[in-house]
Amino acid sequence: MSTPLERLHAQVYGRVQGVSFRYNTMVTANRLGCTGWVRNLPDGSVEVCAEGSRTLLDDLLNYLRTGPTGARVSRVEFSWLTATGEFDFFQVT
């Protein structure tokens, strides 16, 4: 029996643009086996939409709370949703 997939939707605030946050999130998500995307938003935050098992998404969420060297995460707002299975891989958009 396979593990049910879930969707994590998160918005990361702080010093998260211009510090390779999107790239490192993509590398981390791909290493974990998550699918989805990450993108910069005009307000200076980073948005993440990822699908995978809850365990893997929890690991990704923990990464988002700190980010790469140079990032200063002030807060992460997130919600759990039903996975749609629409993604084949994780990418920067």
N, C-alpha and C. Protein backbone atom coordinates (compact mmCIF):
# COMPACT_ATOMS: atom_id res chain seq x y z
N MET A 1 0.84 -1.18 0.00
CA MET A 1 0.00 0.00 0.00
C MET A 1 0.89 1.25 0.00
N SER A 2 0.60 2.20 -0.86
CA SER A 2 1.43 3.40 -0.95
C SER A 2 0.97 4.46 0.06
N THR A 3 1.91 5.31 0.41
CA THR A 3 1.63 6.40 1.34
C THR A 3 0.81 7.46 0.62
N PRO A 4 -0.27 7.94 1.23
CA PRO A 4 -1.07 8.99 0.57
C PRO A 4 -0.26 10.27 0.41
N LEU A 5 -0.49 10.94 -0.69
CA LEU A 5 0.20 12.20 -0.95
C LEU A 5 -0.62 13.36 -0.40
N GLU A 6 0.10 14.38 0.02
CA GLU A 6 -0.53 15.62 0.48
C GLU A 6 0.12 16.77 -0.26
N ARG A 7 -0.48 17.96 -0.11
CA ARG A 7 0.07 19.17 -0.71
C ARG A 7 0.36 20.17 0.39
N LEU A 8 1.56 20.73 0.34
CA LEU A 8 1.97 21.81 1.23
C LEU A 8 1.99 23.09 0.42
N HIS A 9 1.27 24.11 0.89
CA HIS A 9 1.35 25.43 0.27
C HIS A 9 1.93 26.35 1.33
N ALA A 10 3.05 27.02 1.02
CA ALA A 10 3.72 27.85 2.01
C ALA A 10 4.16 29.17 1.41
N GLN A 11 4.20 30.18 2.26
CA GLN A 11 4.76 31.48 1.90
C GLN A 11 5.79 31.82 2.96
N VAL A 12 7.00 32.10 2.49
CA VAL A 12 8.14 32.32 3.37
C VAL A 12 8.51 33.80 3.33
N TYR A 13 8.61 34.41 4.51
CA TYR A 13 8.88 35.85 4.64
C TYR A 13 10.24 36.08 5.28
N GLY A 14 10.78 37.25 5.02
CA GLY A 14 12.08 37.64 5.58
C GLY A 14 13.02 37.98 4.44
N ARG A 15 14.31 37.78 4.68
CA ARG A 15 15.31 37.98 3.63
C ARG A 15 15.45 36.67 2.88
N VAL A 16 14.57 36.48 1.90
CA VAL A 16 14.51 35.19 1.20
C VAL A 16 14.66 35.32 -0.31
N GLN A 17 14.83 36.54 -0.81
CA GLN A 17 15.11 36.72 -2.23
C GLN A 17 16.54 37.23 -2.37
N GLY A 18 17.21 36.77 -3.42
CA GLY A 18 18.59 37.18 -3.66
C GLY A 18 19.59 36.41 -2.82
N VAL A 19 19.17 35.27 -2.24
CA VAL A 19 20.06 34.46 -1.39
C VAL A 19 20.02 32.99 -1.82
N SER A 20 19.63 32.73 -3.07
CA SER A 20 19.52 31.38 -3.62
C SER A 20 18.49 30.52 -2.91
N PHE A 21 17.47 31.16 -2.34
CA PHE A 21 16.44 30.42 -1.60
C PHE A 21 15.67 29.48 -2.53
N ARG A 22 15.26 29.98 -3.70
CA ARG A 22 14.49 29.14 -4.63
C ARG A 22 15.31 27.95 -5.11
N TYR A 23 16.54 28.20 -5.51
CA TYR A 23 17.40 27.12 -6.01
C TYR A 23 17.59 26.05 -4.94
N ASN A 24 17.94 26.47 -3.73
CA ASN A 24 18.19 25.51 -2.66
C ASN A 24 16.91 24.79 -2.23
N THR A 25 15.77 25.45 -2.33
CA THR A 25 14.50 24.78 -2.05
C THR A 25 14.26 23.71 -3.10
N MET A 26 14.54 24.01 -4.37
CA MET A 26 14.38 23.03 -5.43
C MET A 26 15.29 21.82 -5.21
N VAL A 27 16.54 22.07 -4.87
CA VAL A 27 17.49 20.97 -4.62
C VAL A 27 17.00 20.12 -3.45
N THR A 28 16.56 20.77 -2.38
CA THR A 28 16.08 20.04 -1.21
C THR A 28 14.83 19.23 -1.54
N ALA A 29 13.88 19.84 -2.24
CA ALA A 29 12.64 19.14 -2.60
C ALA A 29 12.94 17.94 -3.50
N ASN A 30 13.82 18.12 -4.47
CA ASN A 30 14.17 17.01 -5.36
C ASN A 30 14.88 15.90 -4.60
N ARG A 31 15.75 16.25 -3.67
CA ARG A 31 16.45 15.24 -2.86
C ARG A 31 15.45 14.44 -2.03
N LEU A 32 14.41 15.13 -1.53
CA LEU A 32 13.39 14.47 -0.72
C LEU A 32 12.40 13.66 -1.57
N GLY A 33 12.32 13.98 -2.86
CA GLY A 33 11.37 13.29 -3.73
C GLY A 33 10.03 13.99 -3.82
N CYS A 34 9.99 15.27 -3.49
CA CYS A 34 8.75 16.05 -3.60
C CYS A 34 8.62 16.61 -5.01
N THR A 35 7.39 16.90 -5.42
CA THR A 35 7.13 17.55 -6.69
C THR A 35 6.46 18.89 -6.43
N GLY A 36 6.49 19.80 -7.42
CA GLY A 36 5.83 21.09 -7.26
C GLY A 36 6.67 22.22 -7.80
N TRP A 37 6.59 23.37 -7.14
CA TRP A 37 7.32 24.55 -7.61
C TRP A 37 7.60 25.53 -6.46
N VAL A 38 8.51 26.45 -6.75
CA VAL A 38 8.85 27.56 -5.85
C VAL A 38 9.02 28.80 -6.71
N ARG A 39 8.56 29.95 -6.20
CA ARG A 39 8.70 31.20 -6.97
C ARG A 39 8.79 32.40 -6.03
N ASN A 40 9.42 33.46 -6.54
CA ASN A 40 9.46 34.74 -5.84
C ASN A 40 8.13 35.46 -6.05
N LEU A 41 7.70 36.19 -5.03
CA LEU A 41 6.52 37.04 -5.15
C LEU A 41 6.93 38.50 -5.09
N PRO A 42 6.13 39.40 -5.68
CA PRO A 42 6.49 40.82 -5.73
C PRO A 42 6.68 41.46 -4.35
N ASP A 43 6.07 40.92 -3.30
CA ASP A 43 6.21 41.51 -1.97
C ASP A 43 7.51 41.13 -1.27
N GLY A 44 8.39 40.36 -1.96
CA GLY A 44 9.67 39.98 -1.38
C GLY A 44 9.65 38.61 -0.71
N SER A 45 8.50 37.97 -0.69
CA SER A 45 8.40 36.64 -0.09
C SER A 45 8.61 35.57 -1.16
N VAL A 46 8.66 34.32 -0.72
CA VAL A 46 8.80 33.18 -1.61
C VAL A 46 7.61 32.26 -1.38
N GLU A 47 6.99 31.80 -2.46
CA GLU A 47 5.84 30.89 -2.39
C GLU A 47 6.27 29.50 -2.82
N VAL A 48 5.80 28.49 -2.10
CA VAL A 48 6.13 27.10 -2.38
C VAL A 48 4.85 26.29 -2.45
N CYS A 49 4.75 25.46 -3.45
CA CYS A 49 3.66 24.50 -3.57
C CYS A 49 4.32 23.15 -3.83
N ALA A 50 4.17 22.21 -2.90
CA ALA A 50 4.86 20.93 -3.01
C ALA A 50 3.92 19.79 -2.67
N GLU A 51 4.15 18.65 -3.34
CA GLU A 51 3.38 17.45 -3.05
C GLU A 51 4.33 16.31 -2.73
N GLY A 52 3.88 15.44 -1.83
CA GLY A 52 4.65 14.28 -1.42
C GLY A 52 4.00 13.68 -0.19
N SER A 53 4.68 12.75 0.44
CA SER A 53 4.16 12.19 1.68
C SER A 53 4.27 13.24 2.78
N ARG A 54 3.46 13.13 3.80
CA ARG A 54 3.49 14.11 4.90
C ARG A 54 4.86 14.16 5.55
N THR A 55 5.51 13.03 5.70
CA THR A 55 6.85 12.98 6.31
C THR A 55 7.85 13.80 5.50
N LEU A 56 7.84 13.62 4.18
CA LEU A 56 8.77 14.37 3.32
C LEU A 56 8.44 15.85 3.30
N LEU A 57 7.14 16.17 3.27
CA LEU A 57 6.75 17.58 3.28
C LEU A 57 7.08 18.24 4.61
N ASP A 58 7.00 17.50 5.71
CA ASP A 58 7.43 18.04 7.01
C ASP A 58 8.92 18.38 6.97
N ASP A 59 9.71 17.51 6.33
CA ASP A 59 11.15 17.79 6.19
C ASP A 59 11.37 19.04 5.34
N LEU A 60 10.61 19.19 4.27
CA LEU A 60 10.73 20.38 3.43
C LEU A 60 10.32 21.62 4.21
N LEU A 61 9.25 21.53 4.97
CA LEU A 61 8.79 22.66 5.78
C LEU A 61 9.85 23.07 6.80
N ASN A 62 10.49 22.09 7.41
CA ASN A 62 11.58 22.41 8.35
C ASN A 62 12.71 23.15 7.64
N TYR A 63 13.02 22.75 6.40
CA TYR A 63 14.03 23.47 5.63
C TYR A 63 13.59 24.91 5.37
N LEU A 64 12.33 25.10 5.00
CA LEU A 64 11.83 26.44 4.70
C LEU A 64 11.93 27.38 5.89
N ARG A 65 11.91 26.84 7.09
CA ARG A 65 11.98 27.67 8.29
C ARG A 65 13.36 28.28 8.52
N THR A 66 14.38 27.75 7.84
CA THR A 66 15.73 28.31 7.97
C THR A 66 16.30 28.77 6.64
N GLY A 67 16.10 27.95 5.59
CA GLY A 67 16.61 28.30 4.27
C GLY A 67 18.12 28.16 4.19
N PRO A 68 18.69 28.63 3.09
CA PRO A 68 20.14 28.52 2.88
C PRO A 68 20.91 29.57 3.68
N THR A 69 22.21 29.40 3.70
CA THR A 69 23.07 30.41 4.31
C THR A 69 22.80 31.76 3.65
N GLY A 70 22.66 32.78 4.43
CA GLY A 70 22.37 34.11 3.89
C GLY A 70 20.91 34.49 4.02
N ALA A 71 20.04 33.51 4.11
CA ALA A 71 18.62 33.80 4.28
C ALA A 71 18.33 34.11 5.75
N ARG A 72 17.33 34.93 5.97
CA ARG A 72 16.86 35.24 7.33
C ARG A 72 15.34 35.12 7.30
N VAL A 73 14.85 33.93 7.62
CA VAL A 73 13.42 33.68 7.59
C VAL A 73 12.77 34.26 8.84
N SER A 74 11.79 35.14 8.65
CA SER A 74 11.10 35.73 9.79
C SER A 74 9.84 34.94 10.15
N ARG A 75 9.17 34.37 9.12
CA ARG A 75 8.01 33.51 9.40
C ARG A 75 7.65 32.71 8.15
N VAL A 76 6.96 31.61 8.40
CA VAL A 76 6.45 30.77 7.32
C VAL A 76 4.97 30.54 7.59
N GLU A 77 4.14 30.95 6.65
CA GLU A 77 2.70 30.66 6.73
C GLU A 77 2.44 29.49 5.80
N PHE A 78 1.71 28.49 6.28
CA PHE A 78 1.52 27.30 5.45
C PHE A 78 0.16 26.67 5.71
N SER A 79 -0.26 25.86 4.74
CA SER A 79 -1.50 25.11 4.88
C SER A 79 -1.32 23.75 4.21
N TRP A 80 -2.09 22.79 4.69
CA TRP A 80 -2.10 21.43 4.13
C TRP A 80 -3.34 21.28 3.27
N LEU A 81 -3.13 20.79 2.06
CA LEU A 81 -4.23 20.62 1.10
C LEU A 81 -4.20 19.20 0.54
N THR A 82 -5.20 18.87 -0.22
CA THR A 82 -5.25 17.57 -0.89
C THR A 82 -4.37 17.61 -2.12
N ALA A 83 -3.54 16.60 -2.29
CA ALA A 83 -2.67 16.53 -3.47
C ALA A 83 -3.50 16.29 -4.72
N THR A 84 -3.06 16.88 -5.82
CA THR A 84 -3.74 16.69 -7.10
C THR A 84 -2.96 15.77 -8.03
N GLY A 85 -1.67 15.58 -7.75
CA GLY A 85 -0.84 14.74 -8.61
C GLY A 85 -0.49 15.39 -9.94
N GLU A 86 -0.63 16.71 -10.02
CA GLU A 86 -0.42 17.39 -11.30
C GLU A 86 1.04 17.63 -11.66
N PHE A 87 1.96 17.44 -10.71
CA PHE A 87 3.38 17.74 -10.96
C PHE A 87 4.18 16.47 -11.22
N ASP A 88 5.15 16.58 -12.11
CA ASP A 88 6.05 15.46 -12.41
C ASP A 88 7.40 15.62 -11.72
N PHE A 89 7.76 16.84 -11.34
CA PHE A 89 9.04 17.14 -10.71
C PHE A 89 8.89 18.45 -9.95
N PHE A 90 9.96 18.88 -9.31
CA PHE A 90 9.96 20.15 -8.57
C PHE A 90 10.82 21.14 -9.33
N GLN A 91 10.30 22.36 -9.54
CA GLN A 91 11.02 23.34 -10.34
C GLN A 91 10.87 24.76 -9.78
N VAL A 92 11.79 25.61 -10.20
CA VAL A 92 11.69 27.05 -9.95
C VAL A 92 10.85 27.63 -11.07
N THR A 93 9.83 28.43 -10.71
CA THR A 93 9.01 29.05 -11.75
C THR A 93 9.13 30.56 -11.68
